[in-house]
Amino acid sequence: MRRDPKNRDFHLMEIGIAYYSLGRSTEAIPVLKQFINSYPGFIDARCVLAAAYVESGMIQQAHAEAAGIKRFSPGFSLEAGLFKGAKQSDRLISDLRRAGLS
């Protein structure tokens, strides 16, 4: 981020994913929101944000984010794309289902 300050926000997705992966979902939320403000078309970041909301107990926000994902990508499926081959017991998949995605 120091080497490329002009594109600083682009690296926030990885930081948000790292926070979520470490179980620090509350810290992931503002980082992912900032990334999405700069790059609104990244569905992957929106998915991790929805999952972070679930783990932070912010179910209404998780449902709202899931609805936004469905609007942005009507054909979204947890069985395709990024999630193809993921185990249904995976923490992320479980959180996304709780957010209202299928």
N, C-alpha and C. Protein backbone atom coordinates (compact mmCIF):
# COMPACT_ATOMS: atom_id res chain seq x y z
N MET A 1 0.83 -1.19 0.00
CA MET A 1 0.00 0.00 0.00
C MET A 1 0.88 1.26 0.00
N ARG A 2 2.03 1.16 0.64
CA ARG A 2 2.94 2.30 0.63
C ARG A 2 3.57 2.48 -0.74
N ARG A 3 3.81 1.38 -1.45
CA ARG A 3 4.44 1.46 -2.77
C ARG A 3 3.49 1.96 -3.84
N ASP A 4 2.21 1.81 -3.60
CA ASP A 4 1.22 2.20 -4.61
C ASP A 4 0.07 2.95 -3.93
N PRO A 5 0.36 4.10 -3.32
CA PRO A 5 -0.67 4.81 -2.56
C PRO A 5 -1.85 5.27 -3.42
N LYS A 6 -1.62 5.45 -4.70
CA LYS A 6 -2.70 5.87 -5.60
C LYS A 6 -3.80 4.80 -5.67
N ASN A 7 -3.41 3.54 -5.57
CA ASN A 7 -4.37 2.43 -5.62
C ASN A 7 -4.48 1.74 -4.26
N ARG A 8 -4.33 2.49 -3.21
CA ARG A 8 -4.33 1.96 -1.85
C ARG A 8 -5.57 1.11 -1.56
N ASP A 9 -6.72 1.61 -1.95
CA ASP A 9 -7.98 0.91 -1.64
C ASP A 9 -8.06 -0.47 -2.28
N PHE A 10 -7.35 -0.69 -3.37
CA PHE A 10 -7.42 -1.97 -4.05
C PHE A 10 -6.95 -3.12 -3.16
N HIS A 11 -6.04 -2.84 -2.25
CA HIS A 11 -5.48 -3.86 -1.37
C HIS A 11 -6.34 -4.13 -0.14
N LEU A 12 -7.38 -3.34 0.05
CA LEU A 12 -8.21 -3.50 1.23
C LEU A 12 -9.01 -4.80 1.22
N MET A 13 -9.33 -5.32 0.04
CA MET A 13 -10.08 -6.57 -0.01
C MET A 13 -9.30 -7.69 0.67
N GLU A 14 -8.01 -7.79 0.38
CA GLU A 14 -7.19 -8.82 1.00
C GLU A 14 -7.12 -8.65 2.51
N ILE A 15 -7.05 -7.41 2.95
CA ILE A 15 -7.01 -7.15 4.38
C ILE A 15 -8.33 -7.56 5.03
N GLY A 16 -9.43 -7.21 4.38
CA GLY A 16 -10.75 -7.59 4.90
C GLY A 16 -10.93 -9.09 4.95
N ILE A 17 -10.48 -9.78 3.92
CA ILE A 17 -10.56 -11.25 3.90
C ILE A 17 -9.69 -11.84 5.01
N ALA A 18 -8.52 -11.26 5.22
CA ALA A 18 -7.64 -11.74 6.29
C ALA A 18 -8.31 -11.57 7.65
N TYR A 19 -8.90 -10.41 7.90
CA TYR A 19 -9.60 -10.20 9.17
C TYR A 19 -10.71 -11.23 9.34
N TYR A 20 -11.51 -11.43 8.30
CA TYR A 20 -12.60 -12.42 8.37
C TYR A 20 -12.04 -13.81 8.65
N SER A 21 -11.00 -14.19 7.94
CA SER A 21 -10.39 -15.51 8.10
C SER A 21 -9.84 -15.73 9.50
N LEU A 22 -9.39 -14.67 10.13
CA LEU A 22 -8.85 -14.75 11.49
C LEU A 22 -9.93 -14.67 12.57
N GLY A 23 -11.20 -14.58 12.13
CA GLY A 23 -12.29 -14.48 13.09
C GLY A 23 -12.48 -13.08 13.64
N ARG A 24 -11.93 -12.10 12.96
CA ARG A 24 -12.03 -10.70 13.38
C ARG A 24 -12.99 -9.95 12.46
N SER A 25 -14.20 -10.49 12.37
CA SER A 25 -15.20 -9.99 11.42
C SER A 25 -15.58 -8.54 11.66
N THR A 26 -15.65 -8.13 12.90
CA THR A 26 -16.02 -6.74 13.20
C THR A 26 -14.99 -5.78 12.59
N GLU A 27 -13.74 -6.18 12.59
CA GLU A 27 -12.69 -5.34 12.00
C GLU A 27 -12.72 -5.42 10.47
N ALA A 28 -13.21 -6.52 9.93
CA ALA A 28 -13.27 -6.69 8.47
C ALA A 28 -14.31 -5.77 7.84
N ILE A 29 -15.38 -5.50 8.56
CA ILE A 29 -16.51 -4.75 7.98
C ILE A 29 -16.12 -3.38 7.44
N PRO A 30 -15.51 -2.48 8.22
CA PRO A 30 -15.20 -1.16 7.65
C PRO A 30 -14.18 -1.23 6.52
N VAL A 31 -13.26 -2.17 6.59
CA VAL A 31 -12.25 -2.32 5.54
C VAL A 31 -12.92 -2.74 4.24
N LEU A 32 -13.80 -3.74 4.32
CA LEU A 32 -14.50 -4.22 3.12
C LEU A 32 -15.44 -3.16 2.57
N LYS A 33 -16.10 -2.42 3.45
CA LYS A 33 -17.00 -1.36 2.98
C LYS A 33 -16.22 -0.29 2.22
N GLN A 34 -15.04 0.05 2.72
CA GLN A 34 -14.22 1.04 2.02
C GLN A 34 -13.79 0.51 0.64
N PHE A 35 -13.40 -0.78 0.59
CA PHE A 35 -13.03 -1.38 -0.69
C PHE A 35 -14.22 -1.32 -1.65
N ILE A 36 -15.39 -1.71 -1.18
CA ILE A 36 -16.59 -1.75 -2.04
C ILE A 36 -16.97 -0.35 -2.51
N ASN A 37 -16.75 0.66 -1.69
CA ASN A 37 -17.02 2.04 -2.13
C ASN A 37 -16.15 2.40 -3.33
N SER A 38 -14.93 1.90 -3.34
CA SER A 38 -14.02 2.19 -4.46
C SER A 38 -14.21 1.24 -5.64
N TYR A 39 -14.60 0.00 -5.35
CA TYR A 39 -14.74 -1.03 -6.39
C TYR A 39 -16.08 -1.76 -6.20
N PRO A 40 -17.18 -1.12 -6.54
CA PRO A 40 -18.51 -1.68 -6.25
C PRO A 40 -18.85 -2.97 -7.00
N GLY A 41 -18.13 -3.29 -8.04
CA GLY A 41 -18.46 -4.46 -8.85
C GLY A 41 -17.85 -5.77 -8.37
N PHE A 42 -17.08 -5.75 -7.30
CA PHE A 42 -16.44 -6.97 -6.81
C PHE A 42 -17.40 -7.77 -5.93
N ILE A 43 -18.04 -8.77 -6.52
CA ILE A 43 -18.99 -9.61 -5.79
C ILE A 43 -18.29 -10.36 -4.65
N ASP A 44 -17.07 -10.80 -4.85
CA ASP A 44 -16.35 -11.55 -3.82
C ASP A 44 -16.25 -10.74 -2.52
N ALA A 45 -15.95 -9.46 -2.64
CA ALA A 45 -15.83 -8.60 -1.46
C ALA A 45 -17.19 -8.45 -0.78
N ARG A 46 -18.23 -8.34 -1.59
CA ARG A 46 -19.59 -8.23 -1.03
C ARG A 46 -19.98 -9.50 -0.30
N CYS A 47 -19.55 -10.64 -0.80
CA CYS A 47 -19.83 -11.92 -0.13
C CYS A 47 -19.14 -11.99 1.23
N VAL A 48 -17.88 -11.62 1.26
CA VAL A 48 -17.15 -11.65 2.53
C VAL A 48 -17.76 -10.63 3.49
N LEU A 49 -18.20 -9.49 2.99
CA LEU A 49 -18.84 -8.49 3.85
C LEU A 49 -20.13 -9.07 4.44
N ALA A 50 -20.94 -9.73 3.62
CA ALA A 50 -22.18 -10.34 4.13
C ALA A 50 -21.86 -11.37 5.21
N ALA A 51 -20.84 -12.18 4.99
CA ALA A 51 -20.43 -13.19 5.97
C ALA A 51 -19.92 -12.53 7.25
N ALA A 52 -19.18 -11.45 7.11
CA ALA A 52 -18.67 -10.73 8.29
C ALA A 52 -19.82 -10.14 9.09
N TYR A 53 -20.83 -9.63 8.39
CA TYR A 53 -22.02 -9.13 9.09
C TYR A 53 -22.67 -10.25 9.90
N VAL A 54 -22.81 -11.43 9.31
CA VAL A 54 -23.42 -12.57 10.01
C VAL A 54 -22.64 -12.87 11.28
N GLU A 55 -21.34 -12.99 11.16
CA GLU A 55 -20.52 -13.34 12.32
C GLU A 55 -20.48 -12.24 13.37
N SER A 56 -20.78 -11.03 12.97
CA SER A 56 -20.79 -9.91 13.92
C SER A 56 -22.18 -9.72 14.54
N GLY A 57 -23.11 -10.59 14.16
CA GLY A 57 -24.46 -10.50 14.69
C GLY A 57 -25.31 -9.42 14.04
N MET A 58 -24.88 -8.94 12.90
CA MET A 58 -25.59 -7.87 12.18
C MET A 58 -26.40 -8.51 11.05
N ILE A 59 -27.40 -9.27 11.42
CA ILE A 59 -28.16 -10.09 10.47
C ILE A 59 -28.92 -9.23 9.46
N GLN A 60 -29.50 -8.13 9.90
CA GLN A 60 -30.23 -7.26 8.95
C GLN A 60 -29.30 -6.72 7.87
N GLN A 61 -28.11 -6.30 8.26
CA GLN A 61 -27.14 -5.81 7.29
C GLN A 61 -26.69 -6.93 6.37
N ALA A 62 -26.55 -8.15 6.91
CA ALA A 62 -26.16 -9.30 6.09
C ALA A 62 -27.23 -9.59 5.05
N HIS A 63 -28.50 -9.53 5.45
CA HIS A 63 -29.59 -9.76 4.50
C HIS A 63 -29.62 -8.67 3.44
N ALA A 64 -29.38 -7.44 3.85
CA ALA A 64 -29.36 -6.33 2.89
C ALA A 64 -28.22 -6.51 1.89
N GLU A 65 -27.06 -6.92 2.37
CA GLU A 65 -25.92 -7.15 1.46
C GLU A 65 -26.21 -8.30 0.52
N ALA A 66 -26.82 -9.36 1.03
CA ALA A 66 -27.19 -10.51 0.19
C ALA A 66 -28.18 -10.08 -0.89
N ALA A 67 -29.13 -9.24 -0.53
CA ALA A 67 -30.09 -8.73 -1.52
C ALA A 67 -29.37 -7.91 -2.59
N GLY A 68 -28.37 -7.13 -2.18
CA GLY A 68 -27.58 -6.36 -3.14
C GLY A 68 -26.79 -7.25 -4.08
N ILE A 69 -26.27 -8.35 -3.55
CA ILE A 69 -25.54 -9.31 -4.39
C ILE A 69 -26.48 -9.90 -5.42
N LYS A 70 -27.68 -10.26 -5.01
CA LYS A 70 -28.66 -10.85 -5.94
C LYS A 70 -29.09 -9.85 -6.99
N ARG A 71 -29.22 -8.56 -6.61
CA ARG A 71 -29.57 -7.53 -7.61
C ARG A 71 -28.44 -7.34 -8.61
N PHE A 72 -27.23 -7.29 -8.10
CA PHE A 72 -26.07 -7.04 -8.95
C PHE A 72 -25.77 -8.24 -9.84
N SER A 73 -26.00 -9.45 -9.31
CA SER A 73 -25.72 -10.68 -10.05
C SER A 73 -26.89 -11.65 -9.87
N PRO A 74 -27.96 -11.48 -10.68
CA PRO A 74 -29.16 -12.29 -10.51
C PRO A 74 -28.93 -13.79 -10.58
N GLY A 75 -27.93 -14.24 -11.26
CA GLY A 75 -27.65 -15.67 -11.38
C GLY A 75 -26.71 -16.20 -10.32
N PHE A 76 -26.47 -15.42 -9.28
CA PHE A 76 -25.51 -15.81 -8.24
C PHE A 76 -25.90 -17.15 -7.63
N SER A 77 -24.89 -17.98 -7.40
CA SER A 77 -25.11 -19.29 -6.79
C SER A 77 -23.90 -19.70 -5.96
N LEU A 78 -24.16 -20.28 -4.81
CA LEU A 78 -23.06 -20.79 -3.99
C LEU A 78 -22.49 -22.08 -4.55
N GLU A 79 -23.10 -22.62 -5.60
CA GLU A 79 -22.60 -23.85 -6.22
C GLU A 79 -21.79 -23.57 -7.49
N ALA A 80 -21.61 -22.29 -7.82
CA ALA A 80 -20.92 -21.95 -9.07
C ALA A 80 -19.83 -20.91 -8.80
N GLY A 81 -19.07 -20.63 -9.82
CA GLY A 81 -18.05 -19.58 -9.75
C GLY A 81 -17.04 -19.80 -8.66
N LEU A 82 -16.80 -18.76 -7.90
CA LEU A 82 -15.82 -18.77 -6.81
C LEU A 82 -16.07 -19.90 -5.83
N PHE A 83 -17.32 -20.27 -5.63
CA PHE A 83 -17.66 -21.24 -4.60
C PHE A 83 -17.79 -22.67 -5.13
N LYS A 84 -17.57 -22.86 -6.42
CA LYS A 84 -17.69 -24.18 -7.01
C LYS A 84 -16.71 -25.14 -6.33
N GLY A 85 -17.23 -26.25 -5.86
CA GLY A 85 -16.40 -27.25 -5.21
C GLY A 85 -16.16 -27.00 -3.73
N ALA A 86 -16.67 -25.88 -3.22
CA ALA A 86 -16.49 -25.61 -1.79
C ALA A 86 -17.35 -26.57 -0.98
N LYS A 87 -16.83 -26.98 0.15
CA LYS A 87 -17.59 -27.85 1.04
C LYS A 87 -18.72 -27.05 1.66
N GLN A 88 -19.89 -27.65 1.71
CA GLN A 88 -21.05 -26.97 2.26
C GLN A 88 -20.88 -26.66 3.75
N SER A 89 -19.93 -27.33 4.39
CA SER A 89 -19.68 -27.08 5.81
C SER A 89 -18.68 -25.94 6.03
N ASP A 90 -18.11 -25.40 4.95
CA ASP A 90 -17.16 -24.31 5.10
C ASP A 90 -17.81 -23.13 5.82
N ARG A 91 -17.03 -22.50 6.64
CA ARG A 91 -17.52 -21.37 7.43
C ARG A 91 -18.11 -20.27 6.56
N LEU A 92 -17.43 -19.91 5.48
CA LEU A 92 -17.91 -18.86 4.59
C LEU A 92 -19.25 -19.25 3.97
N ILE A 93 -19.35 -20.47 3.46
CA ILE A 93 -20.60 -20.93 2.84
C ILE A 93 -21.73 -20.90 3.86
N SER A 94 -21.45 -21.37 5.06
CA SER A 94 -22.45 -21.38 6.12
C SER A 94 -22.91 -19.96 6.45
N ASP A 95 -21.97 -19.03 6.56
CA ASP A 95 -22.32 -17.64 6.85
C ASP A 95 -23.14 -17.02 5.70
N LEU A 96 -22.79 -17.36 4.47
CA LEU A 96 -23.53 -16.81 3.33
C LEU A 96 -24.94 -17.35 3.28
N ARG A 97 -25.12 -18.60 3.63
CA ARG A 97 -26.47 -19.17 3.70
C ARG A 97 -27.29 -18.46 4.78
N ARG A 98 -26.67 -18.19 5.91
CA ARG A 98 -27.36 -17.47 6.99
C ARG A 98 -27.70 -16.05 6.58
N ALA A 99 -26.92 -15.49 5.64
CA ALA A 99 -27.20 -14.15 5.12
C ALA A 99 -28.35 -14.16 4.12
N GLY A 100 -28.70 -15.34 3.63
CA GLY A 100 -29.82 -15.45 2.69
C GLY A 100 -29.44 -15.80 1.27
N LEU A 101 -28.21 -16.22 1.06
CA LEU A 101 -27.78 -16.61 -0.28
C LEU A 101 -27.87 -18.12 -0.43
N SER A 102 -28.05 -18.56 -1.65
CA SER A 102 -28.12 -20.01 -1.91
C SER A 102 -27.39 -20.35 -3.20
